[in-house]
């Protein structure tokens, strides 16, 4: 059974290492991450405010999600990373569901994400709808929204 808990600020190094492993294992992200390794970071504010959630299985961190509040009152899913060895096992979906519940309790009406095009099907399977397109420093992105 996977447990999801709030991350502690002292875990930043381990969580960033998990983020790096997940990003490098994804062919759609690998080149951009290798060119810009500085993008693998978790803002301290997210950790100290309790906005990072860790999925744990048998005392092993296997994924995490990070959120932050938007100026419009909704929340943004800022990061979602799962250990490559457990991809397609439901961990990502559980983290999205946890983040959606957290943001609803915080008063949000929707959870937003700026997704990579290769993640669009995953986010659709989690209930997000595409609301637009955008650009990031790594190229095109898909703007998505989940009503919570």
N, C-alpha and C. Protein backbone atom coordinates (compact mmCIF):
# COMPACT_ATOMS: atom_id res chain seq x y z
N UNK A 1 0.84 -1.18 0.00
CA UNK A 1 0.00 0.00 0.00
C UNK A 1 0.88 1.25 0.00
N UNK A 2 0.61 2.14 -0.91
CA UNK A 2 1.38 3.37 -1.01
C UNK A 2 0.82 4.39 -0.03
N UNK A 3 1.72 5.02 0.71
CA UNK A 3 1.37 6.10 1.61
C UNK A 3 1.80 7.41 0.95
N UNK A 4 1.01 8.44 1.11
CA UNK A 4 1.41 9.76 0.63
C UNK A 4 1.46 10.68 1.84
N UNK A 5 2.59 11.39 1.94
CA UNK A 5 2.80 12.27 3.09
C UNK A 5 3.43 13.57 2.61
N UNK A 6 3.42 14.55 3.50
CA UNK A 6 4.04 15.84 3.20
C UNK A 6 5.56 15.70 3.31
N UNK A 7 6.26 16.27 2.35
CA UNK A 7 7.72 16.23 2.35
C UNK A 7 8.29 17.16 3.42
N UNK A 8 9.47 16.83 3.87
CA UNK A 8 10.19 17.65 4.83
C UNK A 8 11.28 18.44 4.11
N UNK A 9 11.56 19.67 4.54
CA UNK A 9 12.60 20.47 3.87
C UNK A 9 13.95 19.75 3.77
N UNK A 10 14.30 18.93 4.75
CA UNK A 10 15.57 18.22 4.71
C UNK A 10 15.66 17.14 3.64
N UNK A 11 14.55 16.84 2.99
CA UNK A 11 14.53 15.81 1.95
C UNK A 11 14.79 16.36 0.56
N UNK A 12 15.05 17.64 0.46
CA UNK A 12 15.18 18.27 -0.85
C UNK A 12 16.20 17.54 -1.73
N UNK A 13 17.34 17.17 -1.21
CA UNK A 13 18.37 16.51 -2.02
C UNK A 13 17.90 15.18 -2.57
N UNK A 14 17.29 14.36 -1.74
CA UNK A 14 16.79 13.05 -2.19
C UNK A 14 15.68 13.21 -3.21
N UNK A 15 14.80 14.19 -3.01
CA UNK A 15 13.70 14.39 -3.95
C UNK A 15 14.20 14.94 -5.29
N UNK A 16 15.18 15.83 -5.23
CA UNK A 16 15.75 16.33 -6.48
C UNK A 16 16.49 15.22 -7.24
N UNK A 17 17.11 14.30 -6.53
CA UNK A 17 17.76 13.16 -7.18
C UNK A 17 16.70 12.27 -7.86
N UNK A 18 15.56 12.08 -7.19
CA UNK A 18 14.46 11.32 -7.79
C UNK A 18 13.97 12.04 -9.05
N UNK A 19 13.82 13.36 -8.96
CA UNK A 19 13.39 14.14 -10.12
C UNK A 19 14.36 13.97 -11.28
N UNK A 20 15.65 13.99 -10.99
CA UNK A 20 16.66 13.83 -12.04
C UNK A 20 16.55 12.45 -12.69
N UNK A 21 16.41 11.39 -11.87
CA UNK A 21 16.29 10.03 -12.43
C UNK A 21 15.07 9.92 -13.34
N UNK A 22 13.95 10.45 -12.87
CA UNK A 22 12.72 10.36 -13.66
C UNK A 22 12.84 11.16 -14.95
N UNK A 23 13.42 12.35 -14.87
CA UNK A 23 13.56 13.19 -16.05
C UNK A 23 14.50 12.58 -17.08
N UNK A 24 15.62 12.03 -16.62
CA UNK A 24 16.58 11.43 -17.55
C UNK A 24 16.06 10.14 -18.17
N UNK A 25 15.16 9.46 -17.49
CA UNK A 25 14.61 8.21 -18.02
C UNK A 25 13.55 8.47 -19.08
N UNK A 26 13.09 9.70 -19.19
CA UNK A 26 12.06 10.03 -20.17
C UNK A 26 12.73 10.62 -21.41
N UNK A 27 12.66 9.92 -22.55
CA UNK A 27 13.32 10.42 -23.75
C UNK A 27 12.87 11.83 -24.15
N UNK A 28 11.62 12.19 -23.82
CA UNK A 28 11.12 13.51 -24.16
C UNK A 28 11.72 14.63 -23.33
N UNK A 29 12.35 14.29 -22.20
CA UNK A 29 12.92 15.29 -21.31
C UNK A 29 14.45 15.25 -21.25
N UNK A 30 15.04 14.13 -21.59
CA UNK A 30 16.46 13.89 -21.35
C UNK A 30 17.37 15.00 -21.88
N UNK A 31 17.24 15.35 -23.16
CA UNK A 31 18.16 16.33 -23.74
C UNK A 31 18.05 17.69 -23.06
N UNK A 32 16.82 18.11 -22.77
CA UNK A 32 16.61 19.41 -22.13
C UNK A 32 17.21 19.42 -20.72
N UNK A 33 17.04 18.33 -19.99
CA UNK A 33 17.58 18.26 -18.62
C UNK A 33 19.11 18.24 -18.65
N UNK A 34 19.68 17.50 -19.57
CA UNK A 34 21.14 17.46 -19.67
C UNK A 34 21.70 18.84 -20.04
N UNK A 35 20.96 19.57 -20.86
CA UNK A 35 21.42 20.91 -21.25
C UNK A 35 21.19 21.95 -20.16
N UNK A 36 20.19 21.70 -19.30
CA UNK A 36 19.84 22.67 -18.25
C UNK A 36 19.59 21.94 -16.93
N UNK A 37 20.61 21.33 -16.33
CA UNK A 37 20.40 20.57 -15.09
C UNK A 37 19.92 21.45 -13.93
N UNK A 38 20.08 22.76 -14.04
CA UNK A 38 19.62 23.68 -12.99
C UNK A 38 18.10 23.67 -12.83
N UNK A 39 17.39 23.15 -13.82
CA UNK A 39 15.92 23.10 -13.72
C UNK A 39 15.45 22.02 -12.75
N UNK A 40 16.32 21.13 -12.37
CA UNK A 40 15.96 20.10 -11.39
C UNK A 40 16.13 20.71 -10.01
N UNK A 41 15.03 21.25 -9.51
CA UNK A 41 15.06 21.87 -8.19
C UNK A 41 13.64 21.96 -7.65
N UNK A 42 13.54 21.96 -6.35
CA UNK A 42 12.27 22.12 -5.66
C UNK A 42 12.39 23.41 -4.84
N UNK A 43 11.54 24.39 -5.13
CA UNK A 43 11.62 25.63 -4.36
C UNK A 43 11.43 25.39 -2.87
N UNK A 44 12.28 26.00 -2.07
CA UNK A 44 12.20 25.84 -0.62
C UNK A 44 10.82 26.25 -0.09
N UNK A 45 10.24 27.27 -0.68
CA UNK A 45 8.91 27.73 -0.25
C UNK A 45 7.87 26.60 -0.34
N UNK A 46 7.95 25.80 -1.39
CA UNK A 46 7.00 24.69 -1.52
C UNK A 46 7.20 23.67 -0.41
N UNK A 47 8.44 23.41 -0.06
CA UNK A 47 8.72 22.46 1.01
C UNK A 47 8.30 23.00 2.38
N UNK A 48 8.65 24.22 2.67
CA UNK A 48 8.34 24.77 3.99
C UNK A 48 6.85 25.02 4.19
N UNK A 49 6.12 25.22 3.10
CA UNK A 49 4.68 25.44 3.21
C UNK A 49 3.85 24.16 3.17
N UNK A 50 4.51 23.00 3.01
CA UNK A 50 3.79 21.73 2.96
C UNK A 50 3.09 21.48 1.64
N UNK A 51 3.66 22.00 0.56
CA UNK A 51 3.06 21.86 -0.76
C UNK A 51 3.75 20.80 -1.62
N UNK A 52 4.56 19.94 -1.03
CA UNK A 52 5.21 18.84 -1.74
C UNK A 52 4.78 17.55 -1.05
N UNK A 53 4.29 16.60 -1.84
CA UNK A 53 3.74 15.35 -1.32
C UNK A 53 4.54 14.17 -1.87
N UNK A 54 4.95 13.30 -0.96
CA UNK A 54 5.82 12.18 -1.32
C UNK A 54 5.05 10.87 -1.26
N UNK A 55 5.17 10.07 -2.30
CA UNK A 55 4.61 8.71 -2.30
C UNK A 55 5.68 7.77 -1.76
N UNK A 56 5.29 6.96 -0.77
CA UNK A 56 6.22 6.06 -0.10
C UNK A 56 5.68 4.63 -0.18
N UNK A 57 6.55 3.70 -0.52
CA UNK A 57 6.20 2.29 -0.55
C UNK A 57 7.29 1.52 0.20
N UNK A 58 6.92 0.85 1.27
CA UNK A 58 7.89 0.10 2.07
C UNK A 58 9.09 0.96 2.47
N UNK A 59 8.80 2.14 3.01
CA UNK A 59 9.83 3.07 3.48
C UNK A 59 10.74 3.60 2.38
N UNK A 60 10.32 3.51 1.14
CA UNK A 60 11.12 4.01 0.00
C UNK A 60 10.32 5.08 -0.73
N UNK A 61 10.90 6.25 -0.90
CA UNK A 61 10.25 7.31 -1.67
C UNK A 61 10.23 6.90 -3.13
N UNK A 62 9.02 6.88 -3.72
CA UNK A 62 8.90 6.44 -5.11
C UNK A 62 8.31 7.49 -6.03
N UNK A 63 8.01 8.65 -5.48
CA UNK A 63 7.49 9.72 -6.32
C UNK A 63 7.12 10.92 -5.48
N UNK A 64 6.89 12.04 -6.17
CA UNK A 64 6.41 13.21 -5.45
C UNK A 64 5.69 14.15 -6.40
N UNK A 65 4.83 14.96 -5.81
CA UNK A 65 4.12 16.01 -6.53
C UNK A 65 4.32 17.31 -5.76
N UNK A 66 4.40 18.41 -6.48
CA UNK A 66 4.54 19.73 -5.86
C UNK A 66 3.47 20.65 -6.44
N UNK A 67 2.87 21.46 -5.57
CA UNK A 67 1.83 22.40 -5.98
C UNK A 67 2.14 23.78 -5.42
N UNK A 68 1.48 24.78 -5.96
CA UNK A 68 1.53 26.12 -5.37
C UNK A 68 0.26 26.87 -5.75
N UNK A 69 -0.12 27.86 -4.90
CA UNK A 69 -1.34 28.63 -5.20
C UNK A 69 -1.09 29.66 -6.30
N UNK A 70 -2.08 29.81 -7.15
CA UNK A 70 -2.03 30.80 -8.22
C UNK A 70 -2.71 32.09 -7.77
N UNK A 71 -2.44 33.15 -8.46
CA UNK A 71 -3.04 34.45 -8.12
C UNK A 71 -4.56 34.45 -8.28
N UNK A 72 -5.09 33.57 -9.14
CA UNK A 72 -6.54 33.55 -9.37
C UNK A 72 -7.31 32.70 -8.35
N UNK A 73 -6.62 32.15 -7.35
CA UNK A 73 -7.28 31.35 -6.33
C UNK A 73 -7.23 29.85 -6.59
N UNK A 74 -6.89 29.46 -7.80
CA UNK A 74 -6.71 28.04 -8.10
C UNK A 74 -5.27 27.66 -7.73
N UNK A 75 -4.92 26.39 -7.97
CA UNK A 75 -3.58 25.89 -7.66
C UNK A 75 -2.96 25.31 -8.92
N UNK A 76 -1.64 25.27 -8.93
CA UNK A 76 -0.86 24.74 -10.04
C UNK A 76 -0.12 23.48 -9.59
N UNK A 77 -0.18 22.44 -10.40
CA UNK A 77 0.65 21.26 -10.20
C UNK A 77 1.99 21.60 -10.84
N UNK A 78 2.97 21.86 -10.02
CA UNK A 78 4.25 22.38 -10.48
C UNK A 78 5.25 21.29 -10.81
N UNK A 79 5.04 20.10 -10.29
CA UNK A 79 5.96 19.00 -10.57
C UNK A 79 5.33 17.69 -10.20
N UNK A 80 5.58 16.68 -10.99
CA UNK A 80 5.10 15.32 -10.73
C UNK A 80 6.17 14.38 -11.27
N UNK A 81 6.80 13.64 -10.36
CA UNK A 81 7.90 12.75 -10.74
C UNK A 81 7.76 11.43 -10.02
N UNK A 82 7.95 10.35 -10.77
CA UNK A 82 7.84 9.00 -10.24
C UNK A 82 9.09 8.22 -10.63
N UNK A 83 9.58 7.41 -9.68
CA UNK A 83 10.74 6.56 -9.97
C UNK A 83 10.45 5.73 -11.23
N UNK A 84 11.36 5.73 -12.18
CA UNK A 84 11.15 4.97 -13.42
C UNK A 84 10.83 3.49 -13.19
N UNK A 85 11.36 2.90 -12.12
CA UNK A 85 11.11 1.47 -11.87
C UNK A 85 9.66 1.17 -11.52
N UNK A 86 8.88 2.20 -11.18
CA UNK A 86 7.46 1.97 -10.85
C UNK A 86 6.51 2.75 -11.76
N UNK A 87 7.02 3.21 -12.90
CA UNK A 87 6.14 3.86 -13.87
C UNK A 87 5.01 2.92 -14.25
N UNK A 88 3.87 3.47 -14.55
CA UNK A 88 2.66 2.77 -15.01
C UNK A 88 2.08 1.84 -13.95
N UNK A 89 2.34 2.17 -12.69
CA UNK A 89 1.78 1.36 -11.59
C UNK A 89 0.71 2.12 -10.80
N UNK A 90 0.37 3.33 -11.24
CA UNK A 90 -0.66 4.10 -10.57
C UNK A 90 -0.15 5.13 -9.58
N UNK A 91 1.16 5.20 -9.37
CA UNK A 91 1.72 6.14 -8.41
C UNK A 91 1.45 7.58 -8.84
N UNK A 92 1.68 7.89 -10.09
CA UNK A 92 1.44 9.24 -10.58
C UNK A 92 -0.01 9.66 -10.42
N UNK A 93 -0.91 8.77 -10.76
CA UNK A 93 -2.34 9.06 -10.62
C UNK A 93 -2.69 9.30 -9.15
N UNK A 94 -2.15 8.50 -8.25
CA UNK A 94 -2.42 8.70 -6.82
C UNK A 94 -1.89 10.04 -6.34
N UNK A 95 -0.74 10.44 -6.81
CA UNK A 95 -0.20 11.74 -6.43
C UNK A 95 -1.07 12.88 -6.98
N UNK A 96 -1.56 12.75 -8.20
CA UNK A 96 -2.45 13.76 -8.76
C UNK A 96 -3.74 13.84 -7.93
N UNK A 97 -4.30 12.69 -7.58
CA UNK A 97 -5.53 12.67 -6.78
C UNK A 97 -5.30 13.31 -5.42
N UNK A 98 -4.17 13.03 -4.81
CA UNK A 98 -3.84 13.63 -3.51
C UNK A 98 -3.72 15.15 -3.64
N UNK A 99 -3.00 15.59 -4.67
CA UNK A 99 -2.83 17.02 -4.89
C UNK A 99 -4.17 17.70 -5.16
N UNK A 100 -5.03 17.05 -5.93
CA UNK A 100 -6.35 17.62 -6.22
C UNK A 100 -7.18 17.75 -4.95
N UNK A 101 -7.14 16.74 -4.11
CA UNK A 101 -7.88 16.79 -2.84
C UNK A 101 -7.32 17.89 -1.95
N UNK A 102 -6.01 17.97 -1.85
CA UNK A 102 -5.37 19.01 -1.04
C UNK A 102 -5.80 20.39 -1.51
N UNK A 103 -5.77 20.63 -2.82
CA UNK A 103 -6.10 21.96 -3.33
C UNK A 103 -7.58 22.27 -3.17
N UNK A 104 -8.44 21.28 -3.28
CA UNK A 104 -9.87 21.50 -3.06
C UNK A 104 -10.11 21.92 -1.61
N UNK A 105 -9.46 21.23 -0.68
CA UNK A 105 -9.59 21.59 0.75
C UNK A 105 -9.07 23.00 0.99
N UNK A 106 -8.05 23.40 0.23
CA UNK A 106 -7.48 24.74 0.36
C UNK A 106 -8.35 25.81 -0.29
N UNK A 107 -9.44 25.41 -0.93
CA UNK A 107 -10.37 26.36 -1.50
C UNK A 107 -10.28 26.55 -3.01
N UNK A 108 -9.48 25.76 -3.67
CA UNK A 108 -9.33 25.88 -5.11
C UNK A 108 -10.52 25.24 -5.82
N UNK A 109 -10.86 25.79 -6.98
CA UNK A 109 -11.90 25.16 -7.80
C UNK A 109 -11.29 24.28 -8.89
N UNK A 110 -9.97 24.46 -9.12
CA UNK A 110 -9.32 23.68 -10.16
C UNK A 110 -7.83 23.55 -9.88
N UNK A 111 -7.27 22.48 -10.39
CA UNK A 111 -5.84 22.24 -10.37
C UNK A 111 -5.36 22.37 -11.81
N UNK A 112 -4.36 23.19 -12.05
CA UNK A 112 -3.83 23.44 -13.39
C UNK A 112 -2.46 22.79 -13.52
N UNK A 113 -2.09 22.49 -14.76
CA UNK A 113 -0.75 21.98 -15.02
C UNK A 113 -0.30 22.45 -16.40
N UNK A 114 0.97 22.79 -16.49
CA UNK A 114 1.59 23.07 -17.78
C UNK A 114 2.33 21.78 -18.13
N UNK A 115 1.75 21.00 -19.03
CA UNK A 115 2.27 19.68 -19.31
C UNK A 115 3.11 19.58 -20.57
N UNK A 116 4.03 18.65 -20.54
CA UNK A 116 4.76 18.30 -21.75
C UNK A 116 3.81 17.59 -22.70
N UNK A 117 3.95 17.81 -24.01
CA UNK A 117 3.06 17.12 -24.94
C UNK A 117 3.06 15.60 -24.77
N UNK A 118 4.21 15.02 -24.38
CA UNK A 118 4.26 13.57 -24.23
C UNK A 118 3.51 13.08 -22.98
N UNK A 119 3.10 14.01 -22.11
CA UNK A 119 2.35 13.64 -20.90
C UNK A 119 0.85 13.91 -21.04
N UNK A 120 0.43 14.40 -22.18
CA UNK A 120 -0.97 14.78 -22.36
C UNK A 120 -1.93 13.63 -22.10
N UNK A 121 -1.65 12.46 -22.63
CA UNK A 121 -2.56 11.31 -22.44
C UNK A 121 -2.66 10.94 -20.96
N UNK A 122 -1.55 11.00 -20.23
CA UNK A 122 -1.59 10.72 -18.80
C UNK A 122 -2.51 11.69 -18.08
N UNK A 123 -2.32 12.98 -18.33
CA UNK A 123 -3.15 13.97 -17.65
C UNK A 123 -4.62 13.85 -18.04
N UNK A 124 -4.90 13.55 -19.30
CA UNK A 124 -6.29 13.30 -19.69
C UNK A 124 -6.86 12.11 -18.92
N UNK A 125 -6.08 11.06 -18.76
CA UNK A 125 -6.54 9.88 -18.01
C UNK A 125 -6.81 10.22 -16.55
N UNK A 126 -6.15 11.26 -16.04
CA UNK A 126 -6.37 11.70 -14.66
C UNK A 126 -7.54 12.67 -14.54
N UNK A 127 -8.16 13.02 -15.65
CA UNK A 127 -9.33 13.89 -15.62
C UNK A 127 -9.09 15.33 -16.04
N UNK A 128 -7.87 15.68 -16.40
CA UNK A 128 -7.59 17.03 -16.87
C UNK A 128 -8.17 17.23 -18.27
N UNK A 129 -8.51 18.46 -18.58
CA UNK A 129 -8.90 18.83 -19.94
C UNK A 129 -7.89 19.85 -20.46
N UNK A 130 -7.67 19.83 -21.74
CA UNK A 130 -6.76 20.77 -22.36
C UNK A 130 -7.49 22.10 -22.54
N UNK A 131 -6.85 23.18 -22.07
CA UNK A 131 -7.48 24.50 -22.16
C UNK A 131 -6.66 25.46 -23.03
N UNK A 132 -5.52 25.02 -23.50
CA UNK A 132 -4.71 25.87 -24.34
C UNK A 132 -3.33 25.31 -24.57
N UNK A 133 -2.52 26.09 -25.24
CA UNK A 133 -1.14 25.71 -25.49
C UNK A 133 -0.26 26.88 -25.06
N UNK A 134 0.97 26.58 -24.78
CA UNK A 134 1.91 27.61 -24.36
C UNK A 134 3.31 27.23 -24.73
N UNK A 135 4.23 28.05 -24.33
CA UNK A 135 5.64 27.79 -24.57
C UNK A 135 6.38 27.85 -23.25
N UNK A 136 7.35 26.96 -23.10
CA UNK A 136 8.25 26.99 -21.96
C UNK A 136 9.66 27.14 -22.52
N UNK A 137 10.60 27.25 -21.65
CA UNK A 137 11.98 27.37 -22.13
C UNK A 137 12.44 26.10 -22.83
N UNK A 138 11.67 25.01 -22.69
CA UNK A 138 12.01 23.74 -23.35
C UNK A 138 11.16 23.46 -24.57
N UNK A 139 10.27 24.38 -24.93
CA UNK A 139 9.46 24.17 -26.11
C UNK A 139 7.98 24.24 -25.82
N UNK A 140 7.17 23.69 -26.74
CA UNK A 140 5.72 23.79 -26.60
C UNK A 140 5.21 23.05 -25.36
N UNK A 141 4.12 23.56 -24.83
CA UNK A 141 3.50 22.93 -23.67
C UNK A 141 1.98 22.92 -23.86
N UNK A 142 1.34 22.13 -23.03
CA UNK A 142 -0.11 22.02 -23.06
C UNK A 142 -0.63 22.53 -21.72
N UNK A 143 -1.55 23.47 -21.77
CA UNK A 143 -2.15 24.02 -20.56
C UNK A 143 -3.40 23.20 -20.25
N UNK A 144 -3.43 22.63 -19.05
CA UNK A 144 -4.52 21.71 -18.70
C UNK A 144 -5.12 22.10 -17.37
N UNK A 145 -6.38 21.66 -17.16
CA UNK A 145 -7.13 22.03 -15.96
C UNK A 145 -7.96 20.84 -15.50
N UNK A 146 -7.96 20.63 -14.19
CA UNK A 146 -8.77 19.60 -13.56
C UNK A 146 -9.69 20.27 -12.56
N UNK A 147 -11.00 20.13 -12.73
CA UNK A 147 -11.94 20.68 -11.76
C UNK A 147 -11.87 19.82 -10.51
N UNK A 148 -11.72 20.49 -9.34
CA UNK A 148 -11.59 19.74 -8.08
C UNK A 148 -12.80 19.97 -7.19
